[in-house]
Protein backbone atom coordinates (compact mmCIF):
# COMPACT_ATOMS: atom_id res chain seq x y z
CA MET A 1 2.25 -8.71 -13.06
CA ALA A 2 2.44 -11.36 -10.37
CA GLN A 3 0.76 -10.48 -7.09
CA ILE A 4 3.31 -9.13 -4.63
CA GLU A 5 2.43 -9.86 -1.02
CA ASP A 6 2.49 -7.11 1.60
CA GLU A 7 5.17 -9.07 3.47
CA THR A 8 7.43 -8.95 0.41
CA VAL A 9 6.98 -5.17 0.18
CA ASP A 10 7.65 -4.80 3.91
CA SER A 11 10.78 -6.95 3.57
CA ALA A 12 12.09 -4.86 0.66
CA LEU A 13 11.42 -1.63 2.57
CA ALA A 14 13.28 -3.00 5.59
CA ARG A 15 16.19 -4.32 3.53
CA PHE A 16 16.83 -0.91 1.98
CA GLN A 17 15.82 1.10 5.07
CA LEU A 18 12.95 2.85 3.28
CA ASN A 19 10.12 4.50 5.17
CA ALA A 20 6.74 3.08 4.12
CA ASP A 21 5.07 6.45 4.72
CA ARG A 22 7.14 8.34 2.12
CA ARG A 23 6.23 8.96 -1.52
CA ARG A 24 8.81 7.78 -4.03
CA LEU A 25 10.16 8.43 -7.49
CA VAL A 26 11.96 5.33 -8.76
CA TYR A 27 14.54 4.77 -11.47
CA SER A 28 15.44 1.21 -12.44
CA GLY A 29 18.24 0.40 -14.83
CA ARG A 30 21.93 0.58 -15.56
CA LEU A 31 23.86 3.50 -14.18
CA VAL A 32 25.49 4.67 -17.40
CA ALA A 33 25.67 8.10 -19.05
CA VAL A 34 23.00 7.49 -21.72
CA LYS A 35 20.36 6.75 -19.06
CA ARG A 36 20.73 10.34 -17.76
CA VAL A 37 20.30 9.57 -14.08
CA ASP A 38 22.33 12.76 -13.59
CA LEU A 39 19.39 14.68 -15.06
CA LEU A 40 17.00 12.91 -12.70
CA ILE A 41 19.16 13.76 -9.68
CA ASP A 42 19.36 17.40 -10.77
CA ALA A 43 15.60 17.60 -11.34
CA PHE A 44 14.88 15.99 -7.97
CA ALA A 45 17.31 18.36 -6.24
CA ALA A 46 15.52 21.31 -7.87
CA ILE A 47 12.10 20.30 -6.49
CA ALA A 48 13.09 18.59 -3.24
CA ALA A 49 12.45 21.61 -1.02
CA GLN A 50 8.94 22.05 -2.46
CA ARG A 51 8.19 18.31 -2.15
CA PRO A 52 9.44 17.33 1.31
CA GLU A 53 7.28 14.17 1.37
CA TRP A 54 9.03 12.67 -1.69
CA ASP A 55 12.21 10.58 -1.97
CA LEU A 56 14.20 9.18 -4.89
CA LEU A 57 14.97 5.47 -5.18
CA ILE A 58 17.61 4.30 -7.64
CA ILE A 59 17.58 0.59 -8.48
CA GLY A 60 20.58 -0.62 -10.42
CA ASP A 61 24.32 -0.29 -10.73
CA GLY A 62 26.95 0.61 -13.26
CA PRO A 63 30.14 2.52 -13.92
CA ALA A 64 28.53 5.92 -13.26
CA ARG A 65 27.35 5.07 -9.73
CA SER A 66 30.12 6.84 -7.80
CA ALA A 67 29.83 10.02 -9.87
CA LEU A 68 26.04 9.98 -9.52
CA GLN A 69 26.20 9.51 -5.75
CA ALA A 70 28.66 12.42 -5.53
CA ARG A 71 26.24 14.56 -7.56
CA VAL A 72 23.49 14.36 -4.91
CA PRO A 73 23.53 17.59 -2.86
CA PRO A 74 24.30 17.01 0.84
CA THR A 75 20.94 18.53 1.83
CA ILE A 76 19.01 15.68 0.18
CA GLN A 77 21.40 12.73 0.49
CA GLY A 78 19.12 11.20 3.14
CA ARG A 79 16.26 11.26 0.63
CA VAL A 80 18.08 9.39 -2.15
CA SER A 81 18.43 5.61 -1.78
CA TRP A 82 20.59 3.26 -3.84
CA THR A 83 19.86 -0.47 -3.98
CA GLY A 84 22.66 -1.56 -6.27
CA PHE A 85 22.02 -4.31 -8.82
CA LEU A 86 19.03 -6.53 -8.04
CA ASP A 87 18.43 -9.79 -9.89
CA ASP A 88 15.32 -10.75 -7.91
CA SER A 89 12.25 -9.65 -9.87
CA LYS A 90 10.03 -10.01 -6.79
CA GLN A 91 12.22 -7.55 -4.88
CA ILE A 92 12.10 -5.11 -7.79
CA MET A 93 8.33 -5.42 -8.08
CA ALA A 94 8.00 -4.93 -4.32
CA LEU A 95 10.02 -1.72 -4.60
CA TYR A 96 7.82 -0.59 -7.49
CA ARG A 97 4.78 -1.25 -5.34
CA ALA A 98 6.33 0.88 -2.59
CA SER A 99 6.83 3.72 -5.09
CA ASP A 100 4.57 6.17 -6.93
CA VAL A 101 6.32 7.25 -10.13
CA LEU A 102 8.79 5.52 -12.44
CA VAL A 103 11.18 7.93 -14.18
CA LEU A 104 13.28 7.07 -17.24
CA PRO A 105 15.18 10.17 -18.49
CA SER A 106 17.30 8.42 -21.16
CA ASP A 107 18.94 10.15 -24.12
CA ALA A 108 18.50 7.03 -26.29
CA GLU A 109 16.17 4.10 -25.65
CA PRO A 110 14.73 2.02 -28.52
CA TRP A 111 12.07 0.45 -26.28
CA ALA A 112 12.73 0.16 -22.49
CA VAL A 113 11.00 -2.80 -20.88
CA VAL A 114 11.15 -0.93 -17.55
CA ILE A 115 8.27 1.23 -18.84
CA ASN A 116 6.19 -1.93 -19.31
CA GLU A 117 7.14 -3.04 -15.79
CA GLY A 118 6.20 0.33 -14.31
CA ALA A 119 2.87 0.34 -16.13
CA ALA A 120 2.13 -3.20 -14.95
CA ALA A 121 2.92 -2.10 -11.37
CA GLY A 122 0.45 0.77 -11.66
CA LEU A 123 3.08 3.49 -11.40
CA ALA A 124 2.76 6.88 -13.01
CA LEU A 125 5.34 7.02 -15.80
CA ILE A 126 7.70 9.85 -16.69
CA ALA A 127 9.98 9.31 -19.66
CA SER A 128 11.94 11.30 -22.18
CA ASP A 129 10.59 11.58 -25.70
CA VAL A 130 13.23 9.19 -27.07
CA VAL A 131 11.98 6.21 -25.03
CA GLY A 132 10.22 3.95 -27.54
CA ALA A 133 7.88 2.36 -25.01
CA ALA A 134 6.77 5.77 -23.76
CA ALA A 135 5.23 6.62 -27.12
CA GLU A 136 3.04 3.52 -26.78
CA LEU A 137 2.39 3.33 -23.03
CA VAL A 138 2.46 6.88 -21.61
CA ARG A 139 -0.58 9.09 -22.02
CA ASN A 140 0.30 12.65 -21.01
CA LYS A 141 -1.50 13.79 -17.87
CA PHE A 142 -3.40 10.49 -17.69
CA ASN A 143 -0.83 7.94 -16.53
CA GLY A 144 2.29 10.05 -16.78
CA GLN A 145 4.23 12.58 -18.78
CA ILE A 146 6.71 12.62 -21.64
CA PHE A 147 9.36 15.35 -21.59
CA PRO A 148 12.01 16.44 -24.13
CA ALA A 149 15.19 14.41 -23.69
CA GLY A 150 17.95 16.28 -21.88
CA ASN A 151 15.64 19.01 -20.55
CA ALA A 152 16.01 19.08 -16.75
CA ASP A 153 13.48 21.89 -16.37
CA ALA A 154 10.82 19.92 -18.27
CA LEU A 155 11.61 16.83 -16.22
């Protein structure tokens, strides 16, 4: 992974109005049904009260965006940030560096390069058991966790 300067991270945080002092879960990808961002939102909503120092960052866009935004409970809307589509890899890497955990809850995912990106950025990795890259790159309770696809409680 290319070295990301502190100024680039600070710029990304400012652009998306993210607090540098918060901990972050990050999802990066298309906002489509198979990616199961709905499951991620539900799981975050379930733990948000017990984890007040954590936020959720969603990088990407797609046809499910409006429905997903509407799914976020009003009590945590201020803790869920949406960047929209980003085509600048430095910005994405800066946002990874400003985060702690990459989550990919997909129902189908032959490989998922985003897992490689998250690993290269030093993020903990959480992925469903259908993510091909997770089988190779995630070591349970070492650098992340694999959970059964579709299981919000396990996530």
